[in-house]
Amino acid sequence: MKYMLLIYMEENAMNATEREHCYVESAQLCQELHAQGRFQGANPLQPIATATSVRVREGKRLVTDGPFAETREQLGGYFLIDAADLDGAIGVAARIPGARKGTVEIRPVMEIAGLP
C-alpha cells in the first residue's frame, strides 16, 4: 500500500547546518527505500512565503498569497512510500529527520482506477 508521509515543522526549527544535514540524511533514507523497491518520491518544499492558495467559490477563482491556514507548523516536505502496512509506514516515518523537530503525518493513499 502507498503512504504519504507529510512533514510538518516550524520553518525556523532548524538552522542552515541542521537543514543541510537533514537533506543528506533524508537522501540516504530515500536511497535505502529505493534499493528495497519502496520509494515513490520525496521532496522538501520551498518556504511558506512562496505558497499560493487557490479556492473556487460560486464558480469564481480566489487566489491568495500564503498557506491555506495560519499555523505554527507548516508542511515542509513529504515522502511517498510503499509499505506493507501502517506499522511499516510508522517505521519509515520515525526515521525521517523532520520527525525529531516536528511531526510526520501518515496518510494512506487512495488508489483510483484510471489514473496514470
N, C-alpha and C. Protein backbone atom coordinates (compact mmCIF):
# COMPACT_ATOMS: atom_id res chain seq x y z
N MET A 1 0.84 -1.17 0.00
CA MET A 1 0.00 0.00 0.00
C MET A 1 0.89 1.24 0.00
N LYS A 2 0.43 2.29 -0.68
CA LYS A 2 1.18 3.54 -0.68
C LYS A 2 0.75 4.40 0.50
N TYR A 3 1.76 5.07 1.08
CA TYR A 3 1.53 6.00 2.18
C TYR A 3 2.22 7.32 1.87
N MET A 4 1.54 8.42 2.16
CA MET A 4 2.12 9.75 2.08
C MET A 4 2.53 10.14 3.49
N LEU A 5 3.79 10.48 3.65
CA LEU A 5 4.32 10.91 4.95
C LEU A 5 4.55 12.41 4.85
N LEU A 6 3.72 13.18 5.50
CA LEU A 6 3.75 14.64 5.43
C LEU A 6 4.53 15.19 6.61
N ILE A 7 5.53 16.00 6.32
CA ILE A 7 6.44 16.50 7.36
C ILE A 7 6.05 17.93 7.72
N TYR A 8 5.66 18.13 8.97
CA TYR A 8 5.27 19.45 9.46
C TYR A 8 6.26 19.91 10.52
N MET A 9 6.68 21.16 10.42
CA MET A 9 7.51 21.74 11.47
C MET A 9 7.51 23.25 11.33
N GLU A 10 7.98 23.92 12.35
CA GLU A 10 8.14 25.36 12.26
C GLU A 10 9.28 25.64 11.28
N GLU A 11 9.12 26.67 10.47
CA GLU A 11 10.12 26.96 9.45
C GLU A 11 11.51 27.22 10.03
N ASN A 12 11.56 27.80 11.19
CA ASN A 12 12.86 28.12 11.79
C ASN A 12 13.29 27.06 12.80
N ALA A 13 12.76 25.85 12.72
CA ALA A 13 13.10 24.79 13.66
C ALA A 13 14.53 24.30 13.49
N MET A 14 15.11 24.50 12.30
CA MET A 14 16.49 24.07 12.03
C MET A 14 17.30 25.24 11.53
N ASN A 15 18.56 25.29 11.96
CA ASN A 15 19.45 26.29 11.38
C ASN A 15 19.98 25.73 10.05
N ALA A 16 20.77 26.51 9.33
CA ALA A 16 21.24 26.12 7.99
C ALA A 16 22.04 24.82 8.03
N THR A 17 22.90 24.66 9.02
CA THR A 17 23.71 23.45 9.14
C THR A 17 22.83 22.23 9.40
N GLU A 18 21.88 22.38 10.32
CA GLU A 18 20.96 21.27 10.62
C GLU A 18 20.13 20.90 9.40
N ARG A 19 19.69 21.92 8.64
CA ARG A 19 18.88 21.68 7.45
C ARG A 19 19.68 20.90 6.40
N GLU A 20 20.93 21.28 6.19
CA GLU A 20 21.77 20.56 5.22
C GLU A 20 21.98 19.12 5.66
N HIS A 21 22.22 18.90 6.95
CA HIS A 21 22.38 17.54 7.47
C HIS A 21 21.07 16.76 7.28
N CYS A 22 19.95 17.41 7.49
CA CYS A 22 18.64 16.79 7.29
C CYS A 22 18.49 16.32 5.84
N TYR A 23 18.89 17.17 4.87
CA TYR A 23 18.78 16.80 3.46
C TYR A 23 19.66 15.59 3.14
N VAL A 24 20.87 15.57 3.69
CA VAL A 24 21.78 14.44 3.46
C VAL A 24 21.19 13.16 4.05
N GLU A 25 20.72 13.23 5.27
CA GLU A 25 20.15 12.07 5.94
C GLU A 25 18.88 11.59 5.22
N SER A 26 18.07 12.54 4.78
CA SER A 26 16.84 12.19 4.04
C SER A 26 17.18 11.51 2.72
N ALA A 27 18.20 12.01 2.02
CA ALA A 27 18.62 11.40 0.76
C ALA A 27 19.10 9.97 0.99
N GLN A 28 19.80 9.74 2.09
CA GLN A 28 20.25 8.38 2.41
C GLN A 28 19.05 7.46 2.64
N LEU A 29 18.05 7.95 3.36
CA LEU A 29 16.84 7.16 3.59
C LEU A 29 16.14 6.87 2.27
N CYS A 30 16.07 7.86 1.38
CA CYS A 30 15.46 7.67 0.07
C CYS A 30 16.19 6.59 -0.73
N GLN A 31 17.52 6.63 -0.69
CA GLN A 31 18.31 5.63 -1.41
C GLN A 31 18.06 4.23 -0.86
N GLU A 32 17.97 4.12 0.45
CA GLU A 32 17.70 2.82 1.08
C GLU A 32 16.31 2.31 0.68
N LEU A 33 15.30 3.18 0.73
CA LEU A 33 13.95 2.78 0.35
C LEU A 33 13.90 2.40 -1.13
N HIS A 34 14.63 3.14 -1.97
CA HIS A 34 14.69 2.84 -3.40
C HIS A 34 15.29 1.45 -3.63
N ALA A 35 16.36 1.13 -2.94
CA ALA A 35 17.01 -0.17 -3.07
C ALA A 35 16.06 -1.31 -2.66
N GLN A 36 15.12 -1.01 -1.77
CA GLN A 36 14.14 -2.00 -1.31
C GLN A 36 12.88 -2.02 -2.18
N GLY A 37 12.82 -1.12 -3.18
CA GLY A 37 11.65 -1.04 -4.04
C GLY A 37 10.45 -0.38 -3.38
N ARG A 38 10.69 0.41 -2.34
CA ARG A 38 9.59 1.03 -1.58
C ARG A 38 9.50 2.53 -1.79
N PHE A 39 10.43 3.12 -2.51
CA PHE A 39 10.48 4.57 -2.69
C PHE A 39 9.60 5.00 -3.86
N GLN A 40 8.73 5.97 -3.64
CA GLN A 40 7.88 6.54 -4.69
C GLN A 40 8.25 7.98 -5.00
N GLY A 41 8.71 8.72 -3.99
CA GLY A 41 9.09 10.11 -4.19
C GLY A 41 9.28 10.80 -2.85
N ALA A 42 10.01 11.91 -2.89
CA ALA A 42 10.21 12.72 -1.68
C ALA A 42 10.79 14.06 -2.12
N ASN A 43 10.37 15.12 -1.47
CA ASN A 43 10.90 16.44 -1.74
C ASN A 43 10.63 17.36 -0.56
N PRO A 44 11.59 18.24 -0.26
CA PRO A 44 11.28 19.34 0.65
C PRO A 44 10.51 20.39 -0.15
N LEU A 45 9.80 21.23 0.54
CA LEU A 45 9.05 22.32 -0.11
C LEU A 45 9.76 23.64 0.12
N GLN A 46 9.54 24.57 -0.79
CA GLN A 46 10.08 25.92 -0.64
C GLN A 46 9.44 26.57 0.60
N PRO A 47 10.03 27.65 1.13
CA PRO A 47 9.48 28.31 2.32
C PRO A 47 8.02 28.73 2.14
N ILE A 48 7.33 28.84 3.25
CA ILE A 48 5.91 29.17 3.27
C ILE A 48 5.62 30.50 2.58
N ALA A 49 6.58 31.40 2.55
CA ALA A 49 6.39 32.70 1.89
C ALA A 49 6.15 32.54 0.39
N THR A 50 6.50 31.40 -0.18
CA THR A 50 6.31 31.17 -1.61
C THR A 50 4.96 30.53 -1.92
N ALA A 51 4.18 30.20 -0.89
CA ALA A 51 2.91 29.49 -1.07
C ALA A 51 1.85 30.38 -1.72
N THR A 52 0.99 29.77 -2.50
CA THR A 52 -0.19 30.40 -3.07
C THR A 52 -1.35 29.44 -2.85
N SER A 53 -2.49 29.96 -2.42
CA SER A 53 -3.67 29.13 -2.20
C SER A 53 -4.75 29.49 -3.22
N VAL A 54 -5.43 28.48 -3.73
CA VAL A 54 -6.49 28.68 -4.71
C VAL A 54 -7.77 28.05 -4.17
N ARG A 55 -8.84 28.81 -4.25
CA ARG A 55 -10.17 28.32 -3.88
C ARG A 55 -11.11 28.71 -5.01
N VAL A 56 -12.12 27.89 -5.25
CA VAL A 56 -13.16 28.25 -6.21
C VAL A 56 -14.47 28.27 -5.45
N ARG A 57 -15.11 29.42 -5.45
CA ARG A 57 -16.38 29.61 -4.76
C ARG A 57 -17.37 30.23 -5.74
N GLU A 58 -18.52 29.58 -5.84
CA GLU A 58 -19.57 30.05 -6.75
C GLU A 58 -19.01 30.31 -8.15
N GLY A 59 -18.13 29.41 -8.59
CA GLY A 59 -17.58 29.49 -9.93
C GLY A 59 -16.47 30.52 -10.10
N LYS A 60 -16.09 31.21 -9.04
CA LYS A 60 -15.04 32.23 -9.13
C LYS A 60 -13.79 31.75 -8.43
N ARG A 61 -12.68 31.96 -9.12
CA ARG A 61 -11.38 31.57 -8.58
C ARG A 61 -10.86 32.65 -7.65
N LEU A 62 -10.47 32.25 -6.44
CA LEU A 62 -9.89 33.16 -5.47
C LEU A 62 -8.45 32.72 -5.22
N VAL A 63 -7.50 33.57 -5.52
CA VAL A 63 -6.09 33.25 -5.36
C VAL A 63 -5.52 34.18 -4.29
N THR A 64 -4.88 33.58 -3.28
CA THR A 64 -4.27 34.38 -2.21
C THR A 64 -2.84 33.93 -1.99
N ASP A 65 -2.00 34.87 -1.61
CA ASP A 65 -0.63 34.55 -1.24
C ASP A 65 -0.66 33.89 0.12
N GLY A 66 0.20 32.91 0.28
CA GLY A 66 0.34 32.29 1.59
C GLY A 66 -0.32 30.93 1.67
N PRO A 67 -0.17 30.30 2.82
CA PRO A 67 -0.68 28.93 3.02
C PRO A 67 -2.19 28.93 3.23
N PHE A 68 -2.75 27.73 3.22
CA PHE A 68 -4.19 27.55 3.43
C PHE A 68 -4.61 28.03 4.81
N ALA A 69 -3.79 27.74 5.82
CA ALA A 69 -4.13 28.09 7.20
C ALA A 69 -2.91 28.63 7.91
N GLU A 70 -3.13 29.53 8.82
CA GLU A 70 -2.06 30.06 9.67
C GLU A 70 -1.87 29.10 10.84
N THR A 71 -0.71 28.50 10.91
CA THR A 71 -0.40 27.57 12.00
C THR A 71 1.06 27.74 12.39
N ARG A 72 1.42 27.21 13.55
CA ARG A 72 2.83 27.26 13.95
C ARG A 72 3.68 26.37 13.07
N GLU A 73 3.19 25.17 12.81
CA GLU A 73 3.93 24.22 11.97
C GLU A 73 3.35 24.26 10.56
N GLN A 74 4.24 24.24 9.57
CA GLN A 74 3.82 24.23 8.19
C GLN A 74 4.27 22.94 7.52
N LEU A 75 3.60 22.61 6.42
CA LEU A 75 4.01 21.46 5.62
C LEU A 75 5.34 21.80 4.99
N GLY A 76 6.36 21.02 5.31
CA GLY A 76 7.71 21.33 4.83
C GLY A 76 8.23 20.37 3.78
N GLY A 77 7.57 19.22 3.63
CA GLY A 77 8.02 18.24 2.65
C GLY A 77 7.23 16.96 2.80
N TYR A 78 7.60 15.99 1.97
CA TYR A 78 6.87 14.73 2.00
C TYR A 78 7.75 13.58 1.54
N PHE A 79 7.35 12.39 1.90
CA PHE A 79 7.85 11.14 1.35
C PHE A 79 6.62 10.40 0.85
N LEU A 80 6.71 9.76 -0.29
CA LEU A 80 5.67 8.87 -0.78
C LEU A 80 6.32 7.49 -0.87
N ILE A 81 5.79 6.55 -0.11
CA ILE A 81 6.43 5.23 0.01
C ILE A 81 5.44 4.10 -0.20
N ASP A 82 5.97 2.92 -0.45
CA ASP A 82 5.20 1.68 -0.38
C ASP A 82 5.55 1.02 0.94
N ALA A 83 4.54 0.56 1.64
CA ALA A 83 4.76 -0.17 2.89
C ALA A 83 3.72 -1.27 2.98
N ALA A 84 4.07 -2.35 3.62
CA ALA A 84 3.15 -3.48 3.75
C ALA A 84 1.92 -3.10 4.56
N ASP A 85 2.13 -2.25 5.57
CA ASP A 85 1.03 -1.88 6.45
C ASP A 85 1.41 -0.60 7.20
N LEU A 86 0.51 -0.15 8.05
CA LEU A 86 0.73 1.07 8.82
C LEU A 86 1.98 0.97 9.69
N ASP A 87 2.23 -0.19 10.28
CA ASP A 87 3.43 -0.34 11.11
C ASP A 87 4.70 -0.10 10.30
N GLY A 88 4.73 -0.56 9.06
CA GLY A 88 5.88 -0.31 8.19
C GLY A 88 6.03 1.16 7.88
N ALA A 89 4.92 1.84 7.64
CA ALA A 89 4.95 3.28 7.37
C ALA A 89 5.41 4.05 8.61
N ILE A 90 4.98 3.61 9.77
CA ILE A 90 5.41 4.25 11.02
C ILE A 90 6.91 4.10 11.19
N GLY A 91 7.43 2.92 10.87
CA GLY A 91 8.87 2.68 10.98
C GLY A 91 9.67 3.64 10.11
N VAL A 92 9.20 3.88 8.88
CA VAL A 92 9.88 4.83 7.99
C VAL A 92 9.71 6.25 8.52
N ALA A 93 8.50 6.62 8.92
CA ALA A 93 8.24 7.98 9.42
C ALA A 93 9.15 8.33 10.59
N ALA A 94 9.40 7.36 11.45
CA ALA A 94 10.26 7.60 12.62
C ALA A 94 11.70 7.87 12.23
N ARG A 95 12.09 7.47 11.02
CA ARG A 95 13.47 7.67 10.55
C ARG A 95 13.64 8.98 9.78
N ILE A 96 12.55 9.67 9.48
CA ILE A 96 12.65 10.93 8.77
C ILE A 96 13.20 11.98 9.73
N PRO A 97 14.27 12.67 9.36
CA PRO A 97 14.89 13.64 10.28
C PRO A 97 13.91 14.70 10.80
N GLY A 98 12.96 15.12 9.99
CA GLY A 98 11.99 16.13 10.43
C GLY A 98 11.14 15.68 11.60
N ALA A 99 11.04 14.38 11.83
CA ALA A 99 10.25 13.88 12.96
C ALA A 99 10.87 14.28 14.29
N ARG A 100 12.18 14.60 14.29
CA ARG A 100 12.86 14.99 15.53
C ARG A 100 12.56 16.43 15.94
N LYS A 101 12.13 17.25 14.99
CA LYS A 101 11.87 18.66 15.28
C LYS A 101 10.41 19.03 15.06
N GLY A 102 9.67 18.17 14.38
CA GLY A 102 8.29 18.46 14.04
C GLY A 102 7.44 17.20 14.13
N THR A 103 6.51 17.07 13.20
CA THR A 103 5.56 15.97 13.19
C THR A 103 5.51 15.37 11.79
N VAL A 104 5.44 14.05 11.70
CA VAL A 104 5.22 13.39 10.41
C VAL A 104 3.83 12.76 10.46
N GLU A 105 2.96 13.25 9.60
CA GLU A 105 1.60 12.72 9.49
C GLU A 105 1.61 11.63 8.42
N ILE A 106 1.02 10.49 8.73
CA ILE A 106 0.97 9.35 7.81
C ILE A 106 -0.45 9.23 7.27
N ARG A 107 -0.54 9.22 5.94
CA ARG A 107 -1.86 9.09 5.31
C ARG A 107 -1.81 8.02 4.24
N PRO A 108 -2.68 7.00 4.32
CA PRO A 108 -2.76 6.03 3.24
C PRO A 108 -3.24 6.74 1.97
N VAL A 109 -2.70 6.33 0.83
CA VAL A 109 -3.06 6.94 -0.44
C VAL A 109 -4.14 6.09 -1.09
N MET A 110 -5.20 6.74 -1.55
CA MET A 110 -6.26 6.02 -2.27
C MET A 110 -5.79 5.69 -3.67
N GLU A 111 -6.01 4.47 -4.08
CA GLU A 111 -5.74 4.06 -5.45
C GLU A 111 -7.04 4.19 -6.22
N ILE A 112 -7.05 5.03 -7.25
CA ILE A 112 -8.26 5.24 -8.05
C ILE A 112 -7.99 4.73 -9.46
N ALA A 113 -8.85 3.83 -9.91
CA ALA A 113 -8.69 3.25 -11.25
C ALA A 113 -8.74 4.36 -12.31
N GLY A 114 -7.92 4.21 -13.34
CA GLY A 114 -7.93 5.15 -14.44
C GLY A 114 -6.93 6.26 -14.33
N LEU A 115 -6.29 6.40 -13.16
CA LEU A 115 -5.24 7.42 -13.03
C LEU A 115 -3.92 6.82 -13.50
N PRO A 116 -3.09 7.64 -14.15
CA PRO A 116 -1.80 7.10 -14.62
C PRO A 116 -0.87 6.77 -13.46
